[in-house]
PDB file of N, CA and C in Angstrom:
ATOM      1  N   MET A   1       0.839  -1.172   0.000  1.00  0.00           N
ATOM      2  CA  MET A   1       0.000   0.000   0.000  1.00  0.00           C
ATOM      3  C   MET A   1       0.890   1.243   0.000  1.00  0.00           C
ATOM      4  N   PRO A   2       0.592   2.214  -0.850  1.00  0.00           N
ATOM      5  CA  PRO A   2       1.411   3.423  -0.884  1.00  0.00           C
ATOM      6  C   PRO A   2       1.258   4.235   0.391  1.00  0.00           C
ATOM      7  N   ASN A   3       2.381   4.770   0.843  1.00  0.00           N
ATOM      8  CA  ASN A   3       2.378   5.568   2.067  1.00  0.00           C
ATOM      9  C   ASN A   3       2.615   7.017   1.671  1.00  0.00           C
ATOM     10  N   LYS A   4       1.556   7.808   1.601  1.00  0.00           N
ATOM     11  CA  LYS A   4       1.664   9.202   1.205  1.00  0.00           C
ATOM     12  C   LYS A   4       1.873  10.067   2.436  1.00  0.00           C
ATOM     13  N   LYS A   5       2.679  11.121   2.261  1.00  0.00           N
ATOM     14  CA  LYS A   5       2.919  12.045   3.363  1.00  0.00           C
ATOM     15  C   LYS A   5       1.668  12.878   3.608  1.00  0.00           C
ATOM     16  N   SER A   6       1.325  13.046   4.876  1.00  0.00           N
ATOM     17  CA  SER A   6       0.167  13.862   5.229  1.00  0.00           C
ATOM     18  C   SER A   6       0.443  15.313   4.881  1.00  0.00           C
ATOM     19  N   PRO A   7      -0.588  16.061   4.442  1.00  0.00           N
ATOM     20  CA  PRO A   7      -0.360  17.471   4.129  1.00  0.00           C
ATOM     21  C   PRO A   7      -0.092  18.278   5.390  1.00  0.00           C
ATOM     22  N   ASP A   8       0.695  19.318   5.226  1.00  0.00           N
ATOM     23  CA  ASP A   8       0.993  20.228   6.335  1.00  0.00           C
ATOM     24  C   ASP A   8      -0.289  20.973   6.701  1.00  0.00           C
ATOM     25  N   PHE A   9      -0.643  20.999   7.999  1.00  0.00           N
ATOM     26  CA  PHE A   9      -1.895  21.628   8.387  1.00  0.00           C
ATOM     27  C   PHE A   9      -1.869  23.138   8.225  1.00  0.00           C
ATOM     28  N   HIS A  10      -0.695  23.721   7.961  1.00  0.00           N
ATOM     29  CA  HIS A  10      -0.595  25.157   7.735  1.00  0.00           C
ATOM     30  C   HIS A  10      -0.812  25.522   6.264  1.00  0.00           C
ATOM     31  N   GLN A  11      -0.808  24.525   5.397  1.00  0.00           N
ATOM     32  CA  GLN A  11      -0.900  24.828   3.979  1.00  0.00           C
ATOM     33  C   GLN A  11      -2.303  25.287   3.590  1.00  0.00           C
ATOM     34  N   ASP A  12      -2.375  25.919   2.432  1.00  0.00           N
ATOM     35  CA  ASP A  12      -3.646  26.408   1.909  1.00  0.00           C
ATOM     36  C   ASP A  12      -4.373  25.236   1.265  1.00  0.00           C
ATOM     37  N   PHE A  13      -5.468  24.815   1.891  1.00  0.00           N
ATOM     38  CA  PHE A  13      -6.185  23.645   1.397  1.00  0.00           C
ATOM     39  C   PHE A  13      -7.023  23.948   0.166  1.00  0.00           C
ATOM     40  N   SER A  14      -7.151  25.219  -0.208  1.00  0.00           N
ATOM     41  CA  SER A  14      -7.912  25.534  -1.411  1.00  0.00           C
ATOM     42  C   SER A  14      -7.180  25.026  -2.651  1.00  0.00           C
ATOM     43  N   ALA A  15      -5.867  24.771  -2.538  1.00  0.00           N
ATOM     44  CA  ALA A  15      -5.101  24.270  -3.672  1.00  0.00           C
ATOM     45  C   ALA A  15      -5.229  22.753  -3.821  1.00  0.00           C
ATOM     46  N   ILE A  16      -5.763  22.090  -2.813  1.00  0.00           N
ATOM     47  CA  ILE A  16      -5.900  20.643  -2.864  1.00  0.00           C
ATOM     48  C   ILE A  16      -7.219  20.306  -3.559  1.00  0.00           C
ATOM     49  N   PRO A  17      -7.162  19.462  -4.587  1.00  0.00           N
ATOM     50  CA  PRO A  17      -8.411  19.131  -5.285  1.00  0.00           C
ATOM     51  C   PRO A  17      -9.363  18.348  -4.380  1.00  0.00           C
ATOM     52  N   ILE A  18     -10.648  18.563  -4.593  1.00  0.00           N
ATOM     53  CA  ILE A  18     -11.671  17.852  -3.839  1.00  0.00           C
ATOM     54  C   ILE A  18     -11.718  16.410  -4.315  1.00  0.00           C
ATOM     55  N   ILE A  19     -11.809  15.487  -3.375  1.00  0.00           N
ATOM     56  CA  ILE A  19     -11.900  14.071  -3.729  1.00  0.00           C
ATOM     57  C   ILE A  19     -13.362  13.771  -4.046  1.00  0.00           C
ATOM     58  N   THR A  20     -13.607  13.413  -5.282  1.00  0.00           N
ATOM     59  CA  THR A  20     -14.979  13.146  -5.716  1.00  0.00           C
ATOM     60  C   THR A  20     -15.374  11.716  -5.373  1.00  0.00           C
ATOM     61  N   SER A  21     -16.666  11.445  -5.443  1.00  0.00           N
ATOM     62  CA  SER A  21     -17.146  10.088  -5.171  1.00  0.00           C
ATOM     63  C   SER A  21     -16.631   9.114  -6.217  1.00  0.00           C
ATOM     64  N   ASP A  22     -16.453   9.585  -7.453  1.00  0.00           N
ATOM     65  CA  ASP A  22     -15.888   8.705  -8.495  1.00  0.00           C
ATOM     66  C   ASP A  22     -14.450   8.327  -8.169  1.00  0.00           C
ATOM     67  N   ALA A  23     -13.681   9.283  -7.674  1.00  0.00           N
ATOM     68  CA  ALA A  23     -12.296   8.998  -7.300  1.00  0.00           C
ATOM     69  C   ALA A  23     -12.251   8.024  -6.128  1.00  0.00           C
ATOM     70  N   ILE A  24     -13.174   8.197  -5.183  1.00  0.00           N
ATOM     71  CA  ILE A  24     -13.237   7.295  -4.031  1.00  0.00           C
ATOM     72  C   ILE A  24     -13.557   5.876  -4.499  1.00  0.00           C
ATOM     73  N   ARG A  25     -14.546   5.758  -5.379  1.00  0.00           N
ATOM     74  CA  ARG A  25     -14.899   4.430  -5.911  1.00  0.00           C
ATOM     75  C   ARG A  25     -13.724   3.787  -6.639  1.00  0.00           C
ATOM     76  N   SER A  26     -13.047   4.591  -7.450  1.00  0.00           N
ATOM     77  CA  SER A  26     -11.903   4.084  -8.215  1.00  0.00           C
ATOM     78  C   SER A  26     -10.777   3.625  -7.284  1.00  0.00           C
ATOM     79  N   ASP A  27     -10.439   4.466  -6.314  1.00  0.00           N
ATOM     80  CA  ASP A  27      -9.385   4.106  -5.361  1.00  0.00           C
ATOM     81  C   ASP A  27      -9.785   2.888  -4.527  1.00  0.00           C
ATOM     82  N   SER A  28     -11.050   2.826  -4.122  1.00  0.00           N
ATOM     83  CA  SER A  28     -11.528   1.691  -3.333  1.00  0.00           C
ATOM     84  C   SER A  28     -11.439   0.401  -4.125  1.00  0.00           C
ATOM     85  N   LYS A  29     -11.846   0.464  -5.388  1.00  0.00           N
ATOM     86  CA  LYS A  29     -11.784  -0.734  -6.237  1.00  0.00           C
ATOM     87  C   LYS A  29     -10.344  -1.203  -6.383  1.00  0.00           C
ATOM     88  N   LYS A  30      -9.424  -0.262  -6.584  1.00  0.00           N
ATOM     89  CA  LYS A  30      -8.013  -0.626  -6.708  1.00  0.00           C
ATOM     90  C   LYS A  30      -7.512  -1.266  -5.414  1.00  0.00           C
ATOM     91  N   LEU A  31      -7.883  -0.701  -4.272  1.00  0.00           N
ATOM     92  CA  LEU A  31      -7.474  -1.267  -2.982  1.00  0.00           C
ATOM     93  C   LEU A  31      -8.012  -2.685  -2.802  1.00  0.00           C
ATOM     94  N   VAL A  32      -9.273  -2.871  -3.116  1.00  0.00           N
ATOM     95  CA  VAL A  32      -9.877  -4.207  -2.983  1.00  0.00           C
ATOM     96  C   VAL A  32      -9.155  -5.194  -3.889  1.00  0.00           C
ATOM     97  N   ASP A  33      -8.895  -4.770  -5.128  1.00  0.00           N
ATOM     98  CA  ASP A  33      -8.174  -5.657  -6.061  1.00  0.00           C
ATOM     99  C   ASP A  33      -6.777  -5.985  -5.533  1.00  0.00           C
ATOM    100  N   ASP A  34      -6.082  -4.967  -5.006  1.00  0.00           N
ATOM    101  CA  ASP A  34      -4.734  -5.196  -4.462  1.00  0.00           C
ATOM    102  C   ASP A  34      -4.781  -6.171  -3.285  1.00  0.00           C
ATOM    103  N   TYR A  35      -5.746  -5.973  -2.377  1.00  0.00           N
ATOM    104  CA  TYR A  35      -5.861  -6.885  -1.238  1.00  0.00           C
ATOM    105  C   TYR A  35      -6.236  -8.292  -1.679  1.00  0.00           C
ATOM    106  N   CYS A  36      -7.162  -8.402  -2.615  1.00  0.00           N
ATOM    107  CA  CYS A  36      -7.558  -9.733  -3.110  1.00  0.00           C
ATOM    108  C   CYS A  36      -6.357 -10.467  -3.712  1.00  0.00           C
ATOM    109  N   ASN A  37      -5.585  -9.755  -4.527  1.00  0.00           N
ATOM    110  CA  ASN A  37      -4.396 -10.372  -5.123  1.00  0.00           C
ATOM    111  C   ASN A  37      -3.401 -10.788  -4.044  1.00  0.00           C
ATOM    112  N   LEU A  38      -3.199  -9.924  -3.060  1.00  0.00           N
ATOM    113  CA  LEU A  38      -2.254 -10.229  -1.992  1.00  0.00           C
ATOM    114  C   LEU A  38      -2.750 -11.395  -1.137  1.00  0.00           C
ATOM    115  N   PHE A  39      -4.069 -11.449  -0.881  1.00  0.00           N
ATOM    116  CA  PHE A  39      -4.617 -12.574  -0.113  1.00  0.00           C
ATOM    117  C   PHE A  39      -4.454 -13.890  -0.860  1.00  0.00           C
ATOM    118  N   GLU A  40      -4.562 -13.859  -2.166  1.00  0.00           N
ATOM    119  CA  GLU A  40      -4.375 -15.086  -2.954  1.00  0.00           C
ATOM    120  C   GLU A  40      -2.921 -15.553  -2.918  1.00  0.00           C
ATOM    121  N   LYS A  41      -1.993 -14.597  -2.971  1.00  0.00           N
ATOM    122  CA  LYS A  41      -0.575 -14.946  -3.040  1.00  0.00           C
ATOM    123  C   LYS A  41       0.024 -15.180  -1.653  1.00  0.00           C
ATOM    124  N   GLU A  42      -0.197 -14.249  -0.753  1.00  0.00           N
ATOM    125  CA  GLU A  42       0.409 -14.315   0.586  1.00  0.00           C
ATOM    126  C   GLU A  42      -0.621 -13.912   1.636  1.00  0.00           C
ATOM    127  N   PRO A  43      -1.449 -14.841   2.082  1.00  0.00           N
ATOM    128  CA  PRO A  43      -2.521 -14.508   3.022  1.00  0.00           C
ATOM    129  C   PRO A  43      -2.029 -13.894   4.335  1.00  0.00           C
ATOM    130  N   ASP A  44      -0.912 -14.399   4.872  1.00  0.00           N
ATOM    131  CA  ASP A  44      -0.404 -13.856   6.135  1.00  0.00           C
ATOM    132  C   ASP A  44       0.041 -12.395   5.976  1.00  0.00           C
ATOM    133  N   LYS A  45       0.753 -12.155   4.900  1.00  0.00           N
ATOM    134  CA  LYS A  45       1.216 -10.789   4.640  1.00  0.00           C
ATOM    135  C   LYS A  45       0.013  -9.870   4.363  1.00  0.00           C
ATOM    136  N   ALA A  46      -0.990 -10.365   3.676  1.00  0.00           N
ATOM    137  CA  ALA A  46      -2.187  -9.583   3.375  1.00  0.00           C
ATOM    138  C   ALA A  46      -2.928  -9.219   4.659  1.00  0.00           C
ATOM    139  N   MET A  47      -3.059 -10.200   5.562  1.00  0.00           N
ATOM    140  CA  MET A  47      -3.758  -9.943   6.820  1.00  0.00           C
ATOM    141  C   MET A  47      -2.995  -8.915   7.658  1.00  0.00           C
ATOM    142  N   ALA A  48      -1.673  -9.040   7.704  1.00  0.00           N
ATOM    143  CA  ALA A  48      -0.854  -8.086   8.449  1.00  0.00           C
ATOM    144  C   ALA A  48      -0.994  -6.679   7.852  1.00  0.00           C
ATOM    145  N   SER A  49      -1.000  -6.600   6.546  1.00  0.00           N
ATOM    146  CA  SER A  49      -1.142  -5.321   5.868  1.00  0.00           C
ATOM    147  C   SER A  49      -2.517  -4.712   6.130  1.00  0.00           C
ATOM    148  N   LEU A  50      -3.536  -5.554   6.094  1.00  0.00           N
ATOM    149  CA  LEU A  50      -4.897  -5.094   6.344  1.00  0.00           C
ATOM    150  C   LEU A  50      -5.050  -4.571   7.778  1.00  0.00           C
ATOM    151  N   VAL A  51      -4.522  -5.306   8.735  1.00  0.00           N
ATOM    152  CA  VAL A  51      -4.597  -4.881  10.142  1.00  0.00           C
ATOM    153  C   VAL A  51      -3.829  -3.573  10.332  1.00  0.00           C
ATOM    154  N   GLU A  52      -2.653  -3.481   9.716  1.00  0.00           N
ATOM    155  CA  GLU A  52      -1.867  -2.245   9.828  1.00  0.00           C
ATOM    156  C   GLU A  52      -2.632  -1.060   9.247  1.00  0.00           C
ATOM    157  N   ASP A  53      -3.235  -1.255   8.072  1.00  0.00           N
ATOM    158  CA  ASP A  53      -3.998  -0.169   7.454  1.00  0.00           C
ATOM    159  C   ASP A  53      -5.171   0.247   8.325  1.00  0.00           C
ATOM    160  N   VAL A  54      -5.882  -0.706   8.915  1.00  0.00           N
ATOM    161  CA  VAL A  54      -7.002  -0.383   9.796  1.00  0.00           C
ATOM    162  C   VAL A  54      -6.508   0.432  10.992  1.00  0.00           C
ATOM    163  N   CYS A  55      -5.396   0.015  11.573  1.00  0.00           N
ATOM    164  CA  CYS A  55      -4.855   0.745  12.735  1.00  0.00           C
ATOM    165  C   CYS A  55      -4.423   2.157  12.349  1.00  0.00           C
ATOM    166  N   VAL A  56      -3.760   2.292  11.211  1.00  0.00           N
ATOM    167  CA  VAL A  56      -3.317   3.611  10.747  1.00  0.00           C
ATOM    168  C   VAL A  56      -4.529   4.500  10.498  1.00  0.00           C
ATOM    169  N   HIS A  57      -5.531   3.962   9.822  1.00  0.00           N
ATOM    170  CA  HIS A  57      -6.704   4.773   9.508  1.00  0.00           C
ATOM    171  C   HIS A  57      -7.511   5.130  10.763  1.00  0.00           C
ATOM    172  N   THR A  58      -7.529   4.248  11.742  1.00  0.00           N
ATOM    173  CA  THR A  58      -8.193   4.551  13.009  1.00  0.00           C
ATOM    174  C   THR A  58      -7.489   5.714  13.702  1.00  0.00           C
ATOM    175  N   THR A  59      -6.156   5.701  13.681  1.00  0.00           N
ATOM    176  CA  THR A  59      -5.375   6.773  14.285  1.00  0.00           C
ATOM    177  C   THR A  59      -5.580   8.086  13.528  1.00  0.00           C
ATOM    178  N   ILE A  60      -5.598   8.013  12.203  1.00  0.00           N
ATOM    179  CA  ILE A  60      -5.826   9.210  11.389  1.00  0.00           C
ATOM    180  C   ILE A  60      -7.211   9.789  11.688  1.00  0.00           C
ATOM    181  N   LEU A  61      -8.203   8.918  11.823  1.00  0.00           N
ATOM    182  CA  LEU A  61      -9.550   9.381  12.153  1.00  0.00           C
ATOM    183  C   LEU A  61      -9.556  10.101  13.498  1.00  0.00           C
ATOM    184  N   ALA A  62      -8.837   9.552  14.464  1.00  0.00           N
ATOM    185  CA  ALA A  62      -8.761  10.201  15.779  1.00  0.00           C
ATOM    186  C   ALA A  62      -8.096  11.575  15.661  1.00  0.00           C
ATOM    187  N   GLN A  63      -7.046  11.663  14.833  1.00  0.00           N
ATOM    188  CA  GLN A  63      -6.381  12.950  14.615  1.00  0.00           C
ATOM    189  C   GLN A  63      -7.338  13.952  13.975  1.00  0.00           C
ATOM    190  N   LEU A  64      -8.098  13.499  13.003  1.00  0.00           N
ATOM    191  CA  LEU A  64      -9.058  14.381  12.337  1.00  0.00           C
ATOM    192  C   LEU A  64     -10.127  14.871  13.301  1.00  0.00           C
ATOM    193  N   GLN A  65     -10.617  13.952  14.135  1.00  0.00           N
ATOM    194  CA  GLN A  65     -11.621  14.346  15.120  1.00  0.00           C
ATOM    195  C   GLN A  65     -11.054  15.385  16.081  1.00  0.00           C
ATOM    196  N   GLN A  66      -9.814  15.173  16.506  1.00  0.00           N
ATOM    197  CA  GLN A  66      -9.180  16.122  17.414  1.00  0.00           C
ATOM    198  C   GLN A  66      -8.980  17.472  16.718  1.00  0.00           C
ATOM    199  N   ALA A  67      -8.529  17.442  15.471  1.00  0.00           N
ATOM    200  CA  ALA A  67      -8.309  18.686  14.724  1.00  0.00           C
ATOM    201  C   ALA A  67      -9.614  19.444  14.541  1.00  0.00           C
ATOM    202  N   ILE A  68     -10.694  18.726  14.240  1.00  0.00           N
ATOM    203  CA  ILE A  68     -11.999  19.367  14.081  1.00  0.00           C
ATOM    204  C   ILE A  68     -12.430  19.995  15.395  1.00  0.00           C
ATOM    205  N   TYR A  69     -12.239  19.285  16.504  1.00  0.00           N
ATOM    206  CA  TYR A  69     -12.611  19.805  17.817  1.00  0.00           C
ATOM    207  C   TYR A  69     -11.820  21.079  18.134  1.00  0.00           C
ATOM    208  N   VAL A  70     -10.504  21.039  17.876  1.00  0.00           N
ATOM    209  CA  VAL A  70      -9.646  22.195  18.161  1.00  0.00           C
ATOM    210  C   VAL A  70     -10.044  23.372  17.277  1.00  0.00           C
ATOM    211  N   ARG A  71     -10.254  23.121  15.989  1.00  0.00           N
ATOM    212  CA  ARG A  71     -10.647  24.201  15.069  1.00  0.00           C
ATOM    213  C   ARG A  71     -12.011  24.769  15.460  1.00  0.00           C
ATOM    214  N   GLN A  72     -12.918  23.895  15.856  1.00  0.00           N
ATOM    215  CA  GLN A  72     -14.237  24.346  16.271  1.00  0.00           C
ATOM    216  C   GLN A  72     -14.123  25.265  17.486  1.00  0.00           C
ATOM    217  N   ASP A  73     -13.276  24.880  18.437  1.00  0.00           N
ATOM    218  CA  ASP A  73     -13.057  25.695  19.628  1.00  0.00           C
ATOM    219  C   ASP A  73     -12.437  27.038  19.244  1.00  0.00           C
ATOM    220  N   GLN A  74     -11.459  27.005  18.332  1.00  0.00           N
ATOM    221  CA  GLN A  74     -10.837  28.242  17.875  1.00  0.00           C
ATOM    222  C   GLN A  74     -11.847  29.139  17.174  1.00  0.00           C
ATOM    223  N   LEU A  75     -12.704  28.539  16.342  1.00  0.00           N
ATOM    224  CA  LEU A  75     -13.718  29.326  15.644  1.00  0.00           C
ATOM    225  C   LEU A  75     -14.703  29.959  16.611  1.00  0.00           C
ATOM    226  N   LYS A  76     -15.081  29.209  17.649  1.00  0.00           N
ATOM    227  CA  LYS A  76     -15.993  29.766  18.651  1.00  0.00           C
ATOM    228  C   LYS A  76     -15.365  30.991  19.319  1.00  0.00           C
ATOM    229  N   LYS A  77     -14.065  30.900  19.644  1.00  0.00           N
ATOM    230  CA  LYS A  77     -13.373  32.027  20.275  1.00  0.00           C
ATOM    231  C   LYS A  77     -13.302  33.220  19.329  1.00  0.00           C
ATOM    232  N   ILE A  78     -13.016  32.955  18.066  1.00  0.00           N
ATOM    233  CA  ILE A  78     -12.925  34.037  17.075  1.00  0.00           C
ATOM    234  C   ILE A  78     -14.280  34.709  16.904  1.00  0.00           C
ATOM    235  N   ILE A  79     -15.335  33.898  16.834  1.00  0.00           N
ATOM    236  CA  ILE A  79     -16.686  34.455  16.688  1.00  0.00           C
ATOM    237  C   ILE A  79     -17.054  35.294  17.907  1.00  0.00           C
ATOM    238  N   ALA A  80     -16.717  34.797  19.095  1.00  0.00           N
ATOM    239  CA  ALA A  80     -17.010  35.555  20.321  1.00  0.00           C
ATOM    240  C   ALA A  80     -16.250  36.877  20.332  1.00  0.00           C
ATOM    241  N   GLU A  81     -14.983  36.853  19.927  1.00  0.00           N
ATOM    242  CA  GLU A  81     -14.191  38.084  19.878  1.00  0.00           C
ATOM    243  C   GLU A  81     -14.766  39.058  18.854  1.00  0.00           C
ATOM    244  N   LYS A  82     -15.203  38.531  17.710  1.00  0.00           N
ATOM    245  CA  LYS A  82     -15.779  39.385  16.674  1.00  0.00           C
ATOM    246  C   LYS A  82     -17.078  40.018  17.166  1.00  0.00           C
ATOM    247  N   GLU A  83     -17.902  39.227  17.845  1.00  0.00           N
ATOM    248  CA  GLU A  83     -19.153  39.774  18.382  1.00  0.00           C
ATOM    249  C   GLU A  83     -18.877  40.847  19.428  1.00  0.00           C
ATOM    250  N   LYS A  84     -17.882  40.609  20.288  1.00  0.00           N
ATOM    251  CA  LYS A  84     -17.515  41.594  21.307  1.00  0.00           C
ATOM    252  C   LYS A  84     -17.012  42.878  20.644  1.00  0.00           C
ATOM    253  N   TYR A  85     -16.169  42.716  19.626  1.00  0.00           N
ATOM    254  CA  TYR A  85     -15.657  43.871  18.886  1.00  0.00           C
ATOM    255  C   TYR A  85     -16.806  44.636  18.244  1.00  0.00           C
ATOM    256  N   GLN A  86     -17.753  43.918  17.648  1.00  0.00           N
ATOM    257  CA  GLN A  86     -18.895  44.556  17.005  1.00  0.00           C
ATOM    258  C   GLN A  86     -19.723  45.337  18.004  1.00  0.00           C
ATOM    259  N   GLN A  87     -19.949  44.745  19.191  1.00  0.00           N
ATOM    260  CA  GLN A  87     -20.713  45.439  20.234  1.00  0.00           C
ATOM    261  C   GLN A  87     -19.981  46.693  20.700  1.00  0.00           C
ATOM    262  N   GLU A  88     -18.660  46.578  20.886  1.00  0.00           N
ATOM    263  CA  GLU A  88     -17.873  47.735  21.302  1.00  0.00           C
ATOM    264  C   GLU A  88     -17.900  48.829  20.233  1.00  0.00           C
ATOM    265  N   LYS A  89     -17.839  48.404  18.982  1.00  0.00           N
ATOM    266  CA  LYS A  89     -17.879  49.361  17.870  1.00  0.00           C
ATOM    267  C   LYS A  89     -19.228  50.079  17.842  1.00  0.00           C
ATOM    268  N   GLU A  90     -20.309  49.327  18.004  1.00  0.00           N
ATOM    269  CA  GLU A  90     -21.642  49.927  18.013  1.00  0.00           C
ATOM    270  C   GLU A  90     -21.801  50.887  19.193  1.00  0.00           C
ATOM    271  N   ALA A  91     -21.277  50.491  20.354  1.00  0.00           N
ATOM    272  CA  ALA A  91     -21.355  51.362  21.530  1.00  0.00           C
ATOM    273  C   ALA A  91     -20.561  52.652  21.287  1.00  0.00           C
ATOM    274  N   ALA A  92     -19.384  52.532  20.688  1.00  0.00           N
ATOM    275  CA  ALA A  92     -18.565  53.710  20.398  1.00  0.00           C
ATOM    276  C   ALA A  92     -19.265  54.614  19.377  1.00  0.00           C
ATOM    277  N   GLU A  93     -19.926  54.000  18.389  1.00  0.00           N
ATOM    278  CA  GLU A  93     -20.661  54.798  17.401  1.00  0.00           C
ATOM    279  C   GLU A  93     -21.801  55.567  18.064  1.00  0.00           C
ATOM    280  N   LYS A  94     -22.502  54.925  18.998  1.00  0.00           N
ATOM    281  CA  LYS A  94     -23.599  55.598  19.703  1.00  0.00           C
ATOM    282  C   LYS A  94     -23.079  56.789  20.489  1.00  0.00           C
ATOM    283  N   VAL A  95     -21.942  56.588  21.160  1.00  0.00           N
ATOM    284  CA  VAL A  95     -21.339  57.694  21.935  1.00  0.00           C
ATOM    285  C   VAL A  95     -20.939  58.816  20.987  1.00  0.00           C
ATOM    286  N   ARG A  96     -20.337  58.459  19.867  1.00  0.00           N
ATOM    287  CA  ARG A  96     -19.895  59.464  18.907  1.00  0.00           C
ATOM    288  C   ARG A  96     -21.085  60.211  18.321  1.00  0.00           C
ATOM    289  N   ILE A  97     -22.137  59.493  18.003  1.00  0.00           N
ATOM    290  CA  ILE A  97     -23.334  60.139  17.464  1.00  0.00           C
ATOM    291  C   ILE A  97     -23.941  61.080  18.505  1.00  0.00           C
ATOM    292  N   ALA A  98     -23.961  60.644  19.776  1.00  0.00           N
ATOM    293  CA  ALA A  98     -24.485  61.497  20.846  1.00  0.00           C
ATOM    294  C   ALA A  98     -23.650  62.759  20.981  1.00  0.00           C
ATOM    295  N   GLU A  99     -22.320  62.623  20.901  1.00  0.00           N
ATOM    296  CA  GLU A  99     -21.451  63.794  21.002  1.00  0.00           C
ATOM    297  C   GLU A  99     -21.663  64.731  19.817  1.00  0.00           C
ATOM    298  N   ILE A 100     -21.826  64.160  18.631  1.00  0.00           N
ATOM    299  CA  ILE A 100     -22.063  64.987  17.444  1.00  0.00           C
ATOM    300  C   ILE A 100     -23.400  65.714  17.585  1.00  0.00           C
ATOM    301  N   SER A 101     -24.393  65.003  18.094  1.00  0.00           N
ATOM    302  CA  SER A 101     -25.709  65.625  18.302  1.00  0.00           C
ATOM    303  C   SER A 101     -25.607  66.790  19.272  1.00  0.00           C
ATOM    304  N   LYS A 102     -24.865  66.606  20.363  1.00  0.00           N
ATOM    305  CA  LYS A 102     -24.681  67.691  21.332  1.00  0.00           C
ATOM    306  C   LYS A 102     -23.994  68.891  20.691  1.00  0.00           C
ATOM    307  N   ARG A 103     -22.981  68.628  19.875  1.00  0.00           N
ATOM    308  CA  ARG A 103     -22.268  69.715  19.208  1.00  0.00           C
ATOM    309  C   ARG A 103     -23.196  70.449  18.237  1.00  0.00           C
ATOM    310  N   LEU A 104     -24.000  69.653  17.505  1.00  0.00           N
ATOM    311  CA  LEU A 104     -24.943  70.291  16.581  1.00  0.00           C
ATOM    312  C   LEU A 104     -25.959  71.153  17.333  1.00  0.00           C
ATOM    313  N   GLU A 105     -26.436  70.648  18.467  1.00  0.00           N
ATOM    314  CA  GLU A 105     -27.386  71.423  19.277  1.00  0.00           C
ATOM    315  C   GLU A 105     -26.742  72.725  19.755  1.00  0.00           C
ATOM    316  N   LYS A 106     -25.485  72.658  20.174  1.00  0.00           N
ATOM    317  CA  LYS A 106     -24.778  73.866  20.617  1.00  0.00           C
ATOM    318  C   LYS A 106     -24.641  74.858  19.466  1.00  0.00           C
ATOM    319  N   LEU A 107     -24.311  74.321  18.265  1.00  0.00           N
ATOM    320  CA  LEU A 107     -24.191  75.200  17.104  1.00  0.00           C
ATOM    321  C   LEU A 107     -25.536  75.836  16.756  1.00  0.00           C
ATOM    322  N   GLU A 108     -26.604  75.022  16.832  1.00  0.00           N
ATOM    323  CA  GLU A 108     -27.936  75.561  16.542  1.00  0.00           C
ATOM    324  C   GLU A 108     -28.303  76.622  17.563  1.00  0.00           C
ATOM    325  N   ASP A 109     -28.013  76.396  18.829  1.00  0.00           N
ATOM    326  CA  ASP A 109     -28.267  77.401  19.850  1.00  0.00           C
ATOM    327  C   ASP A 109     -27.485  78.682  19.559  1.00  0.00           C
ATOM    328  N   TYR A 110     -26.246  78.515  19.191  1.00  0.00           N
ATOM    329  CA  TYR A 110     -25.404  79.667  18.894  1.00  0.00           C
ATOM    330  C   TYR A 110     -25.972  80.476  17.728  1.00  0.00           C
ATOM    331  N   PHE A 111     -26.353  79.778  16.653  1.00  0.00           N
ATOM    332  CA  PHE A 111     -26.902  80.471  15.492  1.00  0.00           C
ATOM    333  C   PHE A 111     -28.265  81.078  15.805  1.00  0.00           C
ATOM    334  N   ASN A 112     -29.071  80.392  16.615  1.00  0.00           N
ATOM    335  CA  ASN A 112     -30.385  80.929  16.965  1.00  0.00           C
ATOM    336  C   ASN A 112     -30.246  82.180  17.821  1.00  0.00           C
ATOM    337  N   ARG A 113     -29.280  82.246  18.699  1.00  0.00           N
ATOM    338  CA  ARG A 113     -29.070  83.419  19.547  1.00  0.00           C
ATOM    339  C   ARG A 113     -28.569  84.601  18.705  1.00  0.00           C
ATOM    340  N   ARG A 114     -27.820  84.349  17.689  1.00  0.00           N
ATOM    341  CA  ARG A 114     -27.262  85.421  16.863  1.00  0.00           C
ATOM    342  C   ARG A 114     -28.314  86.000  15.936  1.00  0.00           C
ATOM    343  N   MET A 115     -29.341  85.227  15.671  1.00  0.00           N
ATOM    344  CA  MET A 115     -30.358  85.725  14.730  1.00  0.00           C
ATOM    345  C   MET A 115     -31.473  86.347  15.440  1.00  0.00           C
TER     346      MET A 115
END
């Protein structure tokens, strides 16, 4: 079984092509054919390879679950920070609008007194 290097988690995943269902079917068929051939020729080696692949894929699945959990937690923090920033921005805008209104009222009073 080919051992491909895992992608760097810092890389831009938009450059990685999406794995389509046709590609999955094709790769699965090739894997089944490879295992069937290996089981016919060397059953012990095939079983060892199959068990190793299951263990590797189980570990990879655990890594993916952990990565999803960590990213989800990071996203929640980012969303909370963005919401807090938005609230602070809105509060600052209200204060600024109130100050501008007060200044306009003072100017209107000034102009009304002069006329």
